[in-house]
N, C-alpha and C. Protein backbone atom coordinates (compact mmCIF):
# COMPACT_ATOMS: atom_id res chain seq x y z
N ARG A 1 129.19 134.28 104.37
CA ARG A 1 128.88 133.21 103.46
C ARG A 1 129.33 133.63 102.07
N VAL A 2 130.05 132.74 101.41
CA VAL A 2 130.55 133.02 100.06
C VAL A 2 129.90 132.04 99.10
N PHE A 3 129.35 132.57 98.04
CA PHE A 3 128.77 131.77 96.97
C PHE A 3 129.79 131.76 95.85
N LEU A 4 130.47 130.66 95.70
CA LEU A 4 131.65 130.60 94.84
C LEU A 4 131.32 130.67 93.36
N CYS A 5 132.31 131.09 92.61
CA CYS A 5 132.19 131.12 91.16
C CYS A 5 132.87 129.89 90.57
N PHE A 6 132.68 129.67 89.30
CA PHE A 6 133.19 128.48 88.63
C PHE A 6 134.63 128.62 88.14
N MET A 7 135.10 129.83 88.05
CA MET A 7 136.45 130.08 87.55
C MET A 7 137.10 131.11 88.45
N GLU A 8 138.32 131.48 88.13
CA GLU A 8 138.98 132.50 88.93
C GLU A 8 138.19 133.80 88.85
N ALA A 9 137.90 134.35 90.01
CA ALA A 9 137.06 135.55 90.07
C ALA A 9 137.82 136.78 89.59
N SER A 10 137.15 137.56 88.75
CA SER A 10 137.68 138.85 88.35
C SER A 10 136.75 139.97 88.80
N ALA A 11 135.68 139.58 89.50
CA ALA A 11 134.72 140.55 90.03
C ALA A 11 134.15 140.02 91.33
N LEU A 12 133.72 140.94 92.18
CA LEU A 12 133.13 140.59 93.46
C LEU A 12 131.84 141.37 93.65
N VAL A 13 130.78 140.67 94.03
CA VAL A 13 129.52 141.31 94.39
C VAL A 13 129.29 141.04 95.87
N ILE A 14 129.10 142.11 96.63
CA ILE A 14 128.75 141.99 98.05
C ILE A 14 127.27 142.35 98.14
N TRP A 15 126.44 141.36 98.51
CA TRP A 15 125.00 141.53 98.51
C TRP A 15 124.51 141.48 99.95
N LEU A 16 124.01 142.61 100.45
CA LEU A 16 123.49 142.70 101.81
C LEU A 16 122.00 142.41 101.82
N HIS A 17 121.60 141.50 102.68
CA HIS A 17 120.17 141.18 102.77
C HIS A 17 119.42 142.29 103.48
N GLY A 18 118.11 142.27 103.34
CA GLY A 18 117.27 143.28 103.96
C GLY A 18 116.86 142.90 105.38
N LEU A 19 116.05 143.76 105.98
CA LEU A 19 115.57 143.56 107.33
C LEU A 19 114.86 142.22 107.45
N GLN A 20 115.26 141.43 108.44
CA GLN A 20 114.68 140.13 108.78
C GLN A 20 114.87 139.08 107.70
N SER A 21 115.73 139.34 106.76
CA SER A 21 116.07 138.36 105.74
C SER A 21 117.39 137.71 106.13
N CYS A 22 117.94 136.91 105.23
CA CYS A 22 119.24 136.30 105.52
C CYS A 22 119.94 135.96 104.21
N ALA A 23 121.21 135.64 104.32
CA ALA A 23 122.01 135.31 103.14
C ALA A 23 121.47 134.07 102.44
N CYS A 24 120.85 133.16 103.18
CA CYS A 24 120.31 131.95 102.56
C CYS A 24 119.22 132.28 101.54
N HIS A 25 118.44 133.34 101.78
CA HIS A 25 117.41 133.75 100.81
C HIS A 25 118.05 134.24 99.51
N ILE A 26 119.12 134.99 99.64
CA ILE A 26 119.82 135.47 98.45
C ILE A 26 120.47 134.31 97.72
N GLN A 27 121.06 133.39 98.47
CA GLN A 27 121.68 132.23 97.85
C GLN A 27 120.64 131.41 97.08
N GLN A 28 119.46 131.23 97.64
CA GLN A 28 118.39 130.51 96.95
C GLN A 28 117.99 131.22 95.66
N LEU A 29 117.95 132.56 95.71
CA LEU A 29 117.63 133.35 94.51
C LEU A 29 118.70 133.17 93.44
N LEU A 30 119.98 133.19 93.86
CA LEU A 30 121.07 133.01 92.90
C LEU A 30 121.02 131.63 92.26
N ILE A 31 120.68 130.62 93.05
CA ILE A 31 120.57 129.26 92.51
C ILE A 31 119.38 129.15 91.58
N ALA A 32 118.23 129.67 92.00
CA ALA A 32 117.00 129.56 91.20
C ALA A 32 117.11 130.27 89.86
N THR A 33 117.78 131.41 89.84
CA THR A 33 117.91 132.18 88.60
C THR A 33 119.09 131.74 87.76
N ARG A 34 119.92 130.83 88.32
CA ARG A 34 121.11 130.33 87.64
C ARG A 34 122.05 131.47 87.22
N ILE A 35 122.04 132.52 88.02
CA ILE A 35 122.82 133.72 87.67
C ILE A 35 124.31 133.44 87.61
N ARG A 36 124.80 132.51 88.42
CA ARG A 36 126.25 132.26 88.39
C ARG A 36 126.68 131.64 87.08
N TYR A 37 125.77 131.02 86.34
CA TYR A 37 126.11 130.49 85.01
C TYR A 37 126.24 131.62 83.99
N HIS A 38 125.53 132.72 84.23
CA HIS A 38 125.62 133.88 83.34
C HIS A 38 126.83 134.75 83.66
N PHE A 39 127.30 134.66 84.91
CA PHE A 39 128.44 135.45 85.35
C PHE A 39 129.44 134.54 86.07
N PRO A 40 130.07 133.64 85.36
CA PRO A 40 130.94 132.65 86.02
C PRO A 40 132.21 133.25 86.61
N TRP A 41 132.56 134.46 86.26
CA TRP A 41 133.77 135.12 86.77
C TRP A 41 133.51 135.91 88.06
N VAL A 42 132.26 135.91 88.53
CA VAL A 42 131.89 136.70 89.71
C VAL A 42 131.91 135.84 90.96
N LYS A 43 132.53 136.37 92.02
CA LYS A 43 132.47 135.77 93.34
C LYS A 43 131.40 136.54 94.11
N TRP A 44 130.48 135.84 94.71
CA TRP A 44 129.36 136.44 95.43
C TRP A 44 129.61 136.34 96.93
N LEU A 45 129.66 137.46 97.62
CA LEU A 45 129.84 137.49 99.06
C LEU A 45 128.50 137.88 99.68
N LEU A 46 127.97 136.99 100.55
CA LEU A 46 126.65 137.17 101.14
C LEU A 46 126.77 137.22 102.66
N PRO A 47 127.11 138.37 103.22
CA PRO A 47 127.28 138.45 104.67
C PRO A 47 125.94 138.36 105.41
N GLU A 48 126.03 138.00 106.68
CA GLU A 48 124.87 137.88 107.57
C GLU A 48 124.92 138.99 108.62
N SER A 49 123.79 139.62 108.88
CA SER A 49 123.73 140.64 109.93
C SER A 49 123.48 139.98 111.28
N GLU A 50 123.62 140.77 112.31
CA GLU A 50 123.34 140.33 113.68
C GLU A 50 121.84 140.45 113.97
N ILE A 51 121.42 139.77 115.01
CA ILE A 51 120.04 139.91 115.50
C ILE A 51 120.06 140.92 116.62
N GLY A 52 119.12 141.87 116.58
CA GLY A 52 119.06 142.88 117.62
C GLY A 52 117.73 143.60 117.63
N GLU A 53 117.58 144.49 118.58
CA GLU A 53 116.34 145.25 118.71
C GLU A 53 116.35 146.45 117.78
N LEU A 54 115.15 146.87 117.42
CA LEU A 54 114.97 148.05 116.60
C LEU A 54 114.11 149.06 117.35
N THR A 55 114.49 150.32 117.28
CA THR A 55 113.73 151.37 117.94
C THR A 55 112.30 151.42 117.44
N MET A 56 112.12 151.24 116.15
CA MET A 56 110.78 151.36 115.56
C MET A 56 109.89 150.14 115.83
N LEU A 57 110.48 149.02 116.25
CA LEU A 57 109.72 147.82 116.58
C LEU A 57 110.17 147.33 117.97
N PRO A 58 109.74 148.05 119.01
CA PRO A 58 110.23 147.71 120.34
C PRO A 58 109.83 146.29 120.75
N GLN A 59 110.71 145.68 121.53
CA GLN A 59 110.52 144.35 122.09
C GLN A 59 110.56 143.24 121.04
N LYS A 60 111.03 143.56 119.84
CA LYS A 60 111.23 142.54 118.81
C LYS A 60 112.71 142.48 118.48
N ARG A 61 113.22 141.28 118.35
CA ARG A 61 114.62 141.09 117.96
C ARG A 61 114.61 140.55 116.53
N LEU A 62 115.23 141.30 115.63
CA LEU A 62 115.21 140.97 114.21
C LEU A 62 116.63 140.99 113.65
N LYS A 63 116.82 140.32 112.51
CA LYS A 63 118.09 140.43 111.80
C LYS A 63 118.12 141.82 111.17
N ARG A 64 119.14 142.59 111.56
CA ARG A 64 119.27 143.95 111.02
C ARG A 64 120.74 144.34 111.04
N TRP A 65 121.09 145.27 110.17
CA TRP A 65 122.47 145.73 110.08
C TRP A 65 122.75 146.82 111.11
N PHE A 66 121.78 147.69 111.36
CA PHE A 66 121.94 148.78 112.32
C PHE A 66 120.56 149.29 112.69
N ASP A 67 120.50 150.19 113.65
CA ASP A 67 119.23 150.75 114.13
C ASP A 67 119.20 152.24 113.85
N LEU A 68 118.09 152.70 113.33
CA LEU A 68 117.87 154.14 113.15
C LEU A 68 116.97 154.59 114.29
N HIS A 69 117.49 155.45 115.17
CA HIS A 69 116.74 155.87 116.35
C HIS A 69 115.66 156.89 116.03
N ARG A 70 115.81 157.56 114.91
CA ARG A 70 114.76 158.51 114.49
C ARG A 70 114.85 158.73 112.99
N GLN A 71 113.75 159.16 112.45
CA GLN A 71 113.68 159.47 111.03
C GLN A 71 113.05 160.83 110.88
N PRO A 72 113.35 161.62 109.88
CA PRO A 72 114.24 161.29 108.78
C PRO A 72 115.70 161.27 109.23
N ILE A 73 116.53 160.66 108.40
CA ILE A 73 117.96 160.59 108.67
C ILE A 73 118.56 161.96 108.41
N ILE A 74 119.35 162.43 109.34
CA ILE A 74 120.01 163.73 109.21
C ILE A 74 121.44 163.50 108.75
N ASP A 75 121.84 164.18 107.71
CA ASP A 75 123.19 164.03 107.15
C ASP A 75 124.24 164.28 108.23
N GLY A 76 125.17 163.35 108.35
CA GLY A 76 126.25 163.48 109.31
C GLY A 76 125.94 162.92 110.69
N GLU A 77 124.69 162.59 110.95
CA GLU A 77 124.31 162.03 112.25
C GLU A 77 124.74 160.57 112.33
N GLU A 78 125.29 160.17 113.47
CA GLU A 78 125.71 158.79 113.65
C GLU A 78 124.56 157.97 114.23
N HIS A 79 124.51 156.70 113.83
CA HIS A 79 123.49 155.79 114.32
C HIS A 79 124.18 154.58 114.94
N ALA A 80 123.70 154.17 116.09
CA ALA A 80 124.31 153.07 116.84
C ALA A 80 124.38 151.82 115.97
N GLY A 81 125.56 151.24 115.87
CA GLY A 81 125.74 149.99 115.14
C GLY A 81 126.08 150.15 113.68
N MET A 82 125.94 151.35 113.12
CA MET A 82 126.19 151.51 111.69
C MET A 82 127.65 151.27 111.35
N GLN A 83 128.56 151.85 112.11
CA GLN A 83 129.98 151.66 111.84
C GLN A 83 130.38 150.20 112.06
N GLU A 84 129.82 149.59 113.11
CA GLU A 84 130.12 148.18 113.39
C GLU A 84 129.64 147.28 112.26
N ALA A 85 128.54 147.61 111.63
CA ALA A 85 128.03 146.82 110.50
C ALA A 85 129.00 146.88 109.32
N ILE A 86 129.69 148.00 109.18
CA ILE A 86 130.65 148.15 108.09
C ILE A 86 131.93 147.43 108.41
N ASP A 87 132.37 147.53 109.67
CA ASP A 87 133.62 146.90 110.07
C ASP A 87 133.43 145.42 110.05
């Protein structure tokens, strides 16, 4: 989802929503705060995550970018879905 700017964009903001949220919530915030009027040169990119299960909340399917199978996060450890969320 792209929240367009009023003029030719010279900047891009990619805003990722949080767990169980969606791009529509961010879009509502941008509209309510009238932020695009303060930054008319900014193009806002509001991607949507997939719905899937989380290890920490078994049997629930939520909007999430990736799953962390254990915590704390260990540097260099791969987590299922993390690379796919970036691609």
